[in-house]
Amino acid sequence: MPSNVTGRRLRPAVLLTTVLLTAAVTGCGSSGDSPTAAPSPSATPAVSADAPAGVLGIRDPWVKAADKGMTAAFATLVNDSEADVTLTSVTSEVSPMELHEMAMKDGEMVMQAKQGGIVVKAKSSHVLEPGGDHLMLLDLQQPVKAGDELAFTLAFADGRTQSFTAVAKPFTGAQESYDPGHSMPDMSMSPSPAS
């Protein structure tokens, strides 16, 4: 399919997704949060090429660029089927991975492994975002630079798998740390526009 046709079809969907995600983040943020500029539609990665034939639709996948240690991947998972889908694990050649969530523990927001997987209800979507559920890259074997494309494979409870790619972007949200067990500040989910 020619790229100019794809761009025309994706632009309204990307704009709508950006507006909805901005509204969701604004509604969840505290009054002390400073706004972070949302990426322009051209800076937002498109739906992964193999998403339409997969178990789930994967919209706007991206990875936080990092030189070492840990980082995370984010996207919106869309389930157009009539049955719930449970994501049980994720793999990548770049590092070992886990499904993670943010949860209250002893009065603090902490990151932890998500027990039981991530359930995407029938005919709905589930957002993977900073400050919420995400795909955690635990021990990077190499730096993940802005613009890098990383491949991921999702595994589901019913035995099916699905692969997708995500583009790495700089992220200047709340300067969060991905160290397990440390408290995490409120985070904006908007990656910085690519330069």
C-alpha atoms as a PDB file:
ATOM      1  CA  MET A   1       0.000   0.000   0.000  1.00  0.00           C
ATOM      2  CA  PRO A   2       1.490   3.418  -0.924  1.00  0.00           C
ATOM      3  CA  SER A   3       2.690   5.371   2.096  1.00  0.00           C
ATOM      4  CA  ASN A   4       0.717   8.512   1.154  1.00  0.00           C
ATOM      5  CA  VAL A   5      -2.566   6.561   1.345  1.00  0.00           C
ATOM      6  CA  THR A   6      -1.581   5.010   4.688  1.00  0.00           C
ATOM      7  CA  GLY A   7      -0.696   8.457   6.054  1.00  0.00           C
ATOM      8  CA  ARG A   8      -4.102   9.854   5.055  1.00  0.00           C
ATOM      9  CA  ARG A   9      -5.940   6.996   6.740  1.00  0.00           C
ATOM     10  CA  LEU A  10      -3.845   6.954   9.916  1.00  0.00           C
ATOM     11  CA  ARG A  11      -3.747  10.731  10.498  1.00  0.00           C
ATOM     12  CA  PRO A  12      -7.380  11.014  11.808  1.00  0.00           C
ATOM     13  CA  ALA A  13      -6.927   7.914  13.986  1.00  0.00           C
ATOM     14  CA  VAL A  14      -3.645   9.221  15.396  1.00  0.00           C
ATOM     15  CA  LEU A  15      -5.177  12.630  16.111  1.00  0.00           C
ATOM     16  CA  LEU A  16      -8.190  11.057  17.844  1.00  0.00           C
ATOM     17  CA  THR A  17      -5.930   8.751  19.878  1.00  0.00           C
ATOM     18  CA  THR A  18      -3.740  11.697  20.909  1.00  0.00           C
ATOM     19  CA  VAL A  19      -6.783  13.717  22.023  1.00  0.00           C
ATOM     20  CA  LEU A  20      -8.257  10.808  23.992  1.00  0.00           C
ATOM     21  CA  LEU A  21      -4.952   9.925  25.657  1.00  0.00           C
ATOM     22  CA  THR A  22      -4.293  13.571  26.534  1.00  0.00           C
ATOM     23  CA  ALA A  23      -7.750  13.805  28.125  1.00  0.00           C
ATOM     24  CA  ALA A  24      -7.146  10.596  30.090  1.00  0.00           C
ATOM     25  CA  VAL A  25      -3.759  11.751  31.379  1.00  0.00           C
ATOM     26  CA  THR A  26      -5.105  15.198  32.271  1.00  0.00           C
ATOM     27  CA  GLY A  27      -7.958  13.642  34.215  1.00  0.00           C
ATOM     28  CA  CYS A  28      -5.571  11.407  36.191  1.00  0.00           C
ATOM     29  CA  GLY A  29      -2.819  13.947  36.874  1.00  0.00           C
ATOM     30  CA  SER A  30      -2.545  15.983  40.049  1.00  0.00           C
ATOM     31  CA  SER A  31      -3.083  19.723  40.009  1.00  0.00           C
ATOM     32  CA  GLY A  32       0.678  20.205  40.424  1.00  0.00           C
ATOM     33  CA  ASP A  33       1.550  18.365  37.211  1.00  0.00           C
ATOM     34  CA  SER A  34       3.194  20.467  34.559  1.00  0.00           C
ATOM     35  CA  PRO A  35       1.958  19.797  31.032  1.00  0.00           C
ATOM     36  CA  THR A  36       4.219  17.925  28.664  1.00  0.00           C
ATOM     37  CA  ALA A  37       3.908  18.601  24.973  1.00  0.00           C
ATOM     38  CA  ALA A  38       2.322  15.736  23.077  1.00  0.00           C
ATOM     39  CA  PRO A  39       4.164  14.529  20.003  1.00  0.00           C
ATOM     40  CA  SER A  40       2.920  15.722  16.661  1.00  0.00           C
ATOM     41  CA  PRO A  41       1.058  13.059  14.674  1.00  0.00           C
ATOM     42  CA  SER A  42       4.059  12.643  12.386  1.00  0.00           C
ATOM     43  CA  ALA A  43       6.252  11.831  15.415  1.00  0.00           C
ATOM     44  CA  THR A  44       3.865   9.155  16.693  1.00  0.00           C
ATOM     45  CA  PRO A  45       4.625   5.654  15.426  1.00  0.00           C
ATOM     46  CA  ALA A  46       1.926   4.094  13.290  1.00  0.00           C
ATOM     47  CA  VAL A  47       0.167   0.839  13.988  1.00  0.00           C
ATOM     48  CA  SER A  48       2.650  -2.007  13.747  1.00  0.00           C
ATOM     49  CA  ALA A  49       2.632  -3.547  10.279  1.00  0.00           C
ATOM     50  CA  ASP A  50       1.689  -7.027  11.518  1.00  0.00           C
ATOM     51  CA  ALA A  51      -0.937  -5.868  14.062  1.00  0.00           C
ATOM     52  CA  PRO A  52      -4.056  -6.315  11.849  1.00  0.00           C
ATOM     53  CA  ALA A  53      -3.437 -10.068  11.453  1.00  0.00           C
ATOM     54  CA  GLY A  54      -2.568 -10.551  15.139  1.00  0.00           C
ATOM     55  CA  VAL A  55      -4.453 -11.459  18.282  1.00  0.00           C
ATOM     56  CA  LEU A  56      -4.694  -7.779  19.268  1.00  0.00           C
ATOM     57  CA  GLY A  57      -4.437  -4.484  17.472  1.00  0.00           C
ATOM     58  CA  ILE A  58      -1.277  -2.679  18.615  1.00  0.00           C
ATOM     59  CA  ARG A  59      -1.608   1.092  18.317  1.00  0.00           C
ATOM     60  CA  ASP A  60       1.098   3.703  18.767  1.00  0.00           C
ATOM     61  CA  PRO A  61       3.838   1.397  20.094  1.00  0.00           C
ATOM     62  CA  TRP A  62       6.954   3.129  21.462  1.00  0.00           C
ATOM     63  CA  VAL A  63       9.895   2.456  23.764  1.00  0.00           C
ATOM     64  CA  LYS A  64      11.601   4.862  26.150  1.00  0.00           C
ATOM     65  CA  ALA A  65      15.154   5.400  24.893  1.00  0.00           C
ATOM     66  CA  ALA A  66      17.803   4.422  27.489  1.00  0.00           C
ATOM     67  CA  ASP A  67      21.558   3.887  27.525  1.00  0.00           C
ATOM     68  CA  LYS A  68      21.631   1.055  30.083  1.00  0.00           C
ATOM     69  CA  GLY A  69      19.722  -0.642  32.870  1.00  0.00           C
ATOM     70  CA  MET A  70      15.964  -0.807  32.440  1.00  0.00           C
ATOM     71  CA  THR A  71      13.356   0.823  30.268  1.00  0.00           C
ATOM     72  CA  ALA A  72       9.815   0.077  29.102  1.00  0.00           C
ATOM     73  CA  ALA A  73       7.610  -0.291  26.030  1.00  0.00           C
ATOM     74  CA  PHE A  74       4.140   1.198  25.705  1.00  0.00           C
ATOM     75  CA  ALA A  75       1.162   0.942  23.321  1.00  0.00           C
ATOM     76  CA  THR A  76      -2.595   0.641  23.215  1.00  0.00           C
ATOM     77  CA  LEU A  77      -3.747  -2.979  22.942  1.00  0.00           C
ATOM     78  CA  VAL A  78      -7.061  -3.315  21.095  1.00  0.00           C
ATOM     79  CA  ASN A  79      -9.231  -6.424  21.336  1.00  0.00           C
ATOM     80  CA  ASP A  80     -11.852  -6.465  18.567  1.00  0.00           C
ATOM     81  CA  SER A  81     -12.855 -10.061  19.320  1.00  0.00           C
ATOM     82  CA  GLU A  82     -15.873 -11.360  21.251  1.00  0.00           C
ATOM     83  CA  ALA A  83     -13.677 -12.919  23.996  1.00  0.00           C
ATOM     84  CA  ASP A  84     -11.291 -11.544  26.610  1.00  0.00           C
ATOM     85  CA  VAL A  85      -7.593 -11.971  25.762  1.00  0.00           C
ATOM     86  CA  THR A  86      -4.914 -12.459  28.438  1.00  0.00           C
ATOM     87  CA  LEU A  87      -1.359 -11.372  27.683  1.00  0.00           C
ATOM     88  CA  THR A  88       0.901 -13.604  29.807  1.00  0.00           C
ATOM     89  CA  SER A  89       4.436 -12.662  28.736  1.00  0.00           C
ATOM     90  CA  VAL A  90       6.594 -10.674  26.341  1.00  0.00           C
ATOM     91  CA  THR A  91      10.061 -11.287  24.911  1.00  0.00           C
ATOM     92  CA  SER A  92      12.684  -9.266  23.062  1.00  0.00           C
ATOM     93  CA  GLU A  93      16.256  -9.897  21.930  1.00  0.00           C
ATOM     94  CA  VAL A  94      17.342  -6.666  23.650  1.00  0.00           C
ATOM     95  CA  SER A  95      16.728  -7.841  27.248  1.00  0.00           C
ATOM     96  CA  PRO A  96      14.752 -10.133  29.536  1.00  0.00           C
ATOM     97  CA  MET A  97      11.212  -8.783  29.968  1.00  0.00           C
ATOM     98  CA  GLU A  98       8.259  -8.795  32.369  1.00  0.00           C
ATOM     99  CA  LEU A  99       4.723  -7.454  32.397  1.00  0.00           C
ATOM    100  CA  HIS A 100       4.652  -4.652  34.993  1.00  0.00           C
ATOM    101  CA  GLU A 101       2.100  -2.490  36.763  1.00  0.00           C
ATOM    102  CA  MET A 102       2.096   0.461  39.125  1.00  0.00           C
ATOM    103  CA  ALA A 103       0.395  -0.239  42.463  1.00  0.00           C
ATOM    104  CA  MET A 104       0.013   1.341  45.889  1.00  0.00           C
ATOM    105  CA  LYS A 105       2.198  -0.336  48.514  1.00  0.00           C
ATOM    106  CA  ASP A 106       2.640   1.063  52.037  1.00  0.00           C
ATOM    107  CA  GLY A 107       1.210   4.388  50.873  1.00  0.00           C
ATOM    108  CA  GLU A 108       3.602   4.723  47.932  1.00  0.00           C
ATOM    109  CA  MET A 109       3.198   4.084  44.212  1.00  0.00           C
ATOM    110  CA  VAL A 110       5.600   1.290  43.262  1.00  0.00           C
ATOM    111  CA  MET A 111       6.326  -0.722  40.150  1.00  0.00           C
ATOM    112  CA  GLN A 112       5.932  -4.501  40.335  1.00  0.00           C
ATOM    113  CA  ALA A 113       5.449  -7.579  38.152  1.00  0.00           C
ATOM    114  CA  LYS A 114       1.803  -7.934  37.112  1.00  0.00           C
ATOM    115  CA  GLN A 115       0.547 -11.261  38.445  1.00  0.00           C
ATOM    116  CA  GLY A 116      -1.901 -13.133  36.206  1.00  0.00           C
ATOM    117  CA  GLY A 117      -1.020 -11.156  33.094  1.00  0.00           C
ATOM    118  CA  ILE A 118      -2.786  -8.267  31.396  1.00  0.00           C
ATOM    119  CA  VAL A 119      -6.411  -8.916  30.463  1.00  0.00           C
ATOM    120  CA  VAL A 120      -7.787  -7.021  27.477  1.00  0.00           C
ATOM    121  CA  LYS A 121     -11.563  -7.323  27.677  1.00  0.00           C
ATOM    122  CA  ALA A 122     -13.621  -8.254  24.590  1.00  0.00           C
ATOM    123  CA  LYS A 123     -14.431  -5.301  22.313  1.00  0.00           C
ATOM    124  CA  SER A 124     -12.235  -2.927  24.325  1.00  0.00           C
ATOM    125  CA  SER A 125      -8.680  -1.649  24.654  1.00  0.00           C
ATOM    126  CA  HIS A 126      -6.001  -1.520  27.335  1.00  0.00           C
ATOM    127  CA  VAL A 127      -3.421   1.265  27.464  1.00  0.00           C
ATOM    128  CA  LEU A 128       0.189   0.455  28.354  1.00  0.00           C
ATOM    129  CA  GLU A 129       1.630   3.756  29.602  1.00  0.00           C
ATOM    130  CA  PRO A 130       4.151   5.336  31.966  1.00  0.00           C
ATOM    131  CA  GLY A 131       2.607   5.285  35.431  1.00  0.00           C
ATOM    132  CA  GLY A 132       0.438   2.272  34.554  1.00  0.00           C
ATOM    133  CA  ASP A 133       0.775  -1.186  33.028  1.00  0.00           C
ATOM    134  CA  HIS A 134       3.800  -1.520  30.729  1.00  0.00           C
ATOM    135  CA  LEU A 135       6.210  -3.974  29.105  1.00  0.00           C
ATOM    136  CA  MET A 136       9.416  -3.846  31.178  1.00  0.00           C
ATOM    137  CA  LEU A 137      12.852  -4.372  29.633  1.00  0.00           C
ATOM    138  CA  LEU A 138      14.926  -5.452  32.642  1.00  0.00           C
ATOM    139  CA  ASP A 139      18.628  -5.556  31.745  1.00  0.00           C
ATOM    140  CA  LEU A 140      19.473  -3.904  28.451  1.00  0.00           C
ATOM    141  CA  GLN A 141      22.180  -5.727  26.523  1.00  0.00           C
ATOM    142  CA  GLN A 142      22.815  -2.598  24.439  1.00  0.00           C
ATOM    143  CA  PRO A 143      21.696   1.042  24.459  1.00  0.00           C
ATOM    144  CA  VAL A 144      18.254   1.804  23.030  1.00  0.00           C
ATOM    145  CA  LYS A 145      18.689   5.051  21.103  1.00  0.00           C
ATOM    146  CA  ALA A 146      15.935   7.338  19.839  1.00  0.00           C
ATOM    147  CA  GLY A 147      14.890   6.086  16.418  1.00  0.00           C
ATOM    148  CA  ASP A 148      15.841   2.444  17.066  1.00  0.00           C
ATOM    149  CA  GLU A 149      13.180  -0.107  16.137  1.00  0.00           C
ATOM    150  CA  LEU A 150      12.792  -2.958  18.630  1.00  0.00           C
ATOM    151  CA  ALA A 151      10.972  -6.219  17.953  1.00  0.00           C
ATOM    152  CA  PHE A 152       8.729  -7.781  20.622  1.00  0.00           C
ATOM    153  CA  THR A 153       6.784 -11.039  20.811  1.00  0.00           C
ATOM    154  CA  LEU A 154       3.669 -11.228  22.963  1.00  0.00           C
ATOM    155  CA  ALA A 155       2.476 -14.595  24.333  1.00  0.00           C
ATOM    156  CA  PHE A 156      -1.154 -15.183  25.298  1.00  0.00           C
ATOM    157  CA  ALA A 157      -2.872 -17.578  27.731  1.00  0.00           C
ATOM    158  CA  ASP A 158      -4.352 -19.611  24.849  1.00  0.00           C
ATOM    159  CA  GLY A 159      -0.897 -20.319  23.372  1.00  0.00           C
ATOM    160  CA  ARG A 160      -1.032 -17.813  20.516  1.00  0.00           C
ATOM    161  CA  THR A 161       1.795 -15.330  19.942  1.00  0.00           C
ATOM    162  CA  GLN A 162       2.062 -12.023  18.123  1.00  0.00           C
ATOM    163  CA  SER A 163       5.073  -9.944  17.099  1.00  0.00           C
ATOM    164  CA  PHE A 164       5.296  -6.192  16.631  1.00  0.00           C
ATOM    165  CA  THR A 165       7.932  -3.470  16.423  1.00  0.00           C
ATOM    166  CA  ALA A 166       8.153  -0.207  18.344  1.00  0.00           C
ATOM    167  CA  VAL A 167      10.275   2.883  17.787  1.00  0.00           C
ATOM    168  CA  ALA A 168      12.423   4.233  20.637  1.00  0.00           C
ATOM    169  CA  LYS A 169      11.783   7.838  21.641  1.00  0.00           C
ATOM    170  CA  PRO A 170      13.303  10.195  24.162  1.00  0.00           C
ATOM    171  CA  PHE A 171      10.997  10.636  27.159  1.00  0.00           C
ATOM    172  CA  THR A 172      11.315  13.645  29.429  1.00  0.00           C
ATOM    173  CA  GLY A 173       8.226  13.074  31.599  1.00  0.00           C
ATOM    174  CA  ALA A 174       8.901  13.156  35.325  1.00  0.00           C
ATOM    175  CA  GLN A 175      12.444  11.764  34.961  1.00  0.00           C
ATOM    176  CA  GLU A 176      11.134   8.496  36.370  1.00  0.00           C
ATOM    177  CA  SER A 177      13.328   5.628  37.488  1.00  0.00           C
ATOM    178  CA  TYR A 178      12.578   2.089  36.445  1.00  0.00           C
ATOM    179  CA  ASP A 179      14.191   0.516  39.516  1.00  0.00           C
ATOM    180  CA  PRO A 180      11.783  -2.015  41.059  1.00  0.00           C
ATOM    181  CA  GLY A 181      10.839  -1.246  44.638  1.00  0.00           C
ATOM    182  CA  HIS A 182      11.446   2.490  44.342  1.00  0.00           C
ATOM    183  CA  SER A 183       8.559   4.913  44.464  1.00  0.00           C
ATOM    184  CA  MET A 184       7.579   6.431  41.162  1.00  0.00           C
ATOM    185  CA  PRO A 185       6.312  10.005  40.699  1.00  0.00           C
ATOM    186  CA  ASP A 186       3.320  10.848  38.530  1.00  0.00           C
ATOM    187  CA  MET A 187       4.366  10.558  34.901  1.00  0.00           C
ATOM    188  CA  SER A 188       3.166  12.014  31.653  1.00  0.00           C
ATOM    189  CA  MET A 189       2.811   9.432  28.892  1.00  0.00           C
ATOM    190  CA  SER A 190       3.925  11.727  26.081  1.00  0.00           C
ATOM    191  CA  PRO A 191       7.290  10.981  24.519  1.00  0.00           C
ATOM    192  CA  SER A 192       9.299  13.938  23.320  1.00  0.00           C
ATOM    193  CA  PRO A 193       8.987  14.641  19.608  1.00  0.00           C
ATOM    194  CA  ALA A 194      11.904  13.253  17.637  1.00  0.00           C
ATOM    195  CA  SER A 195      14.352  15.917  16.535  1.00  0.00           C
END
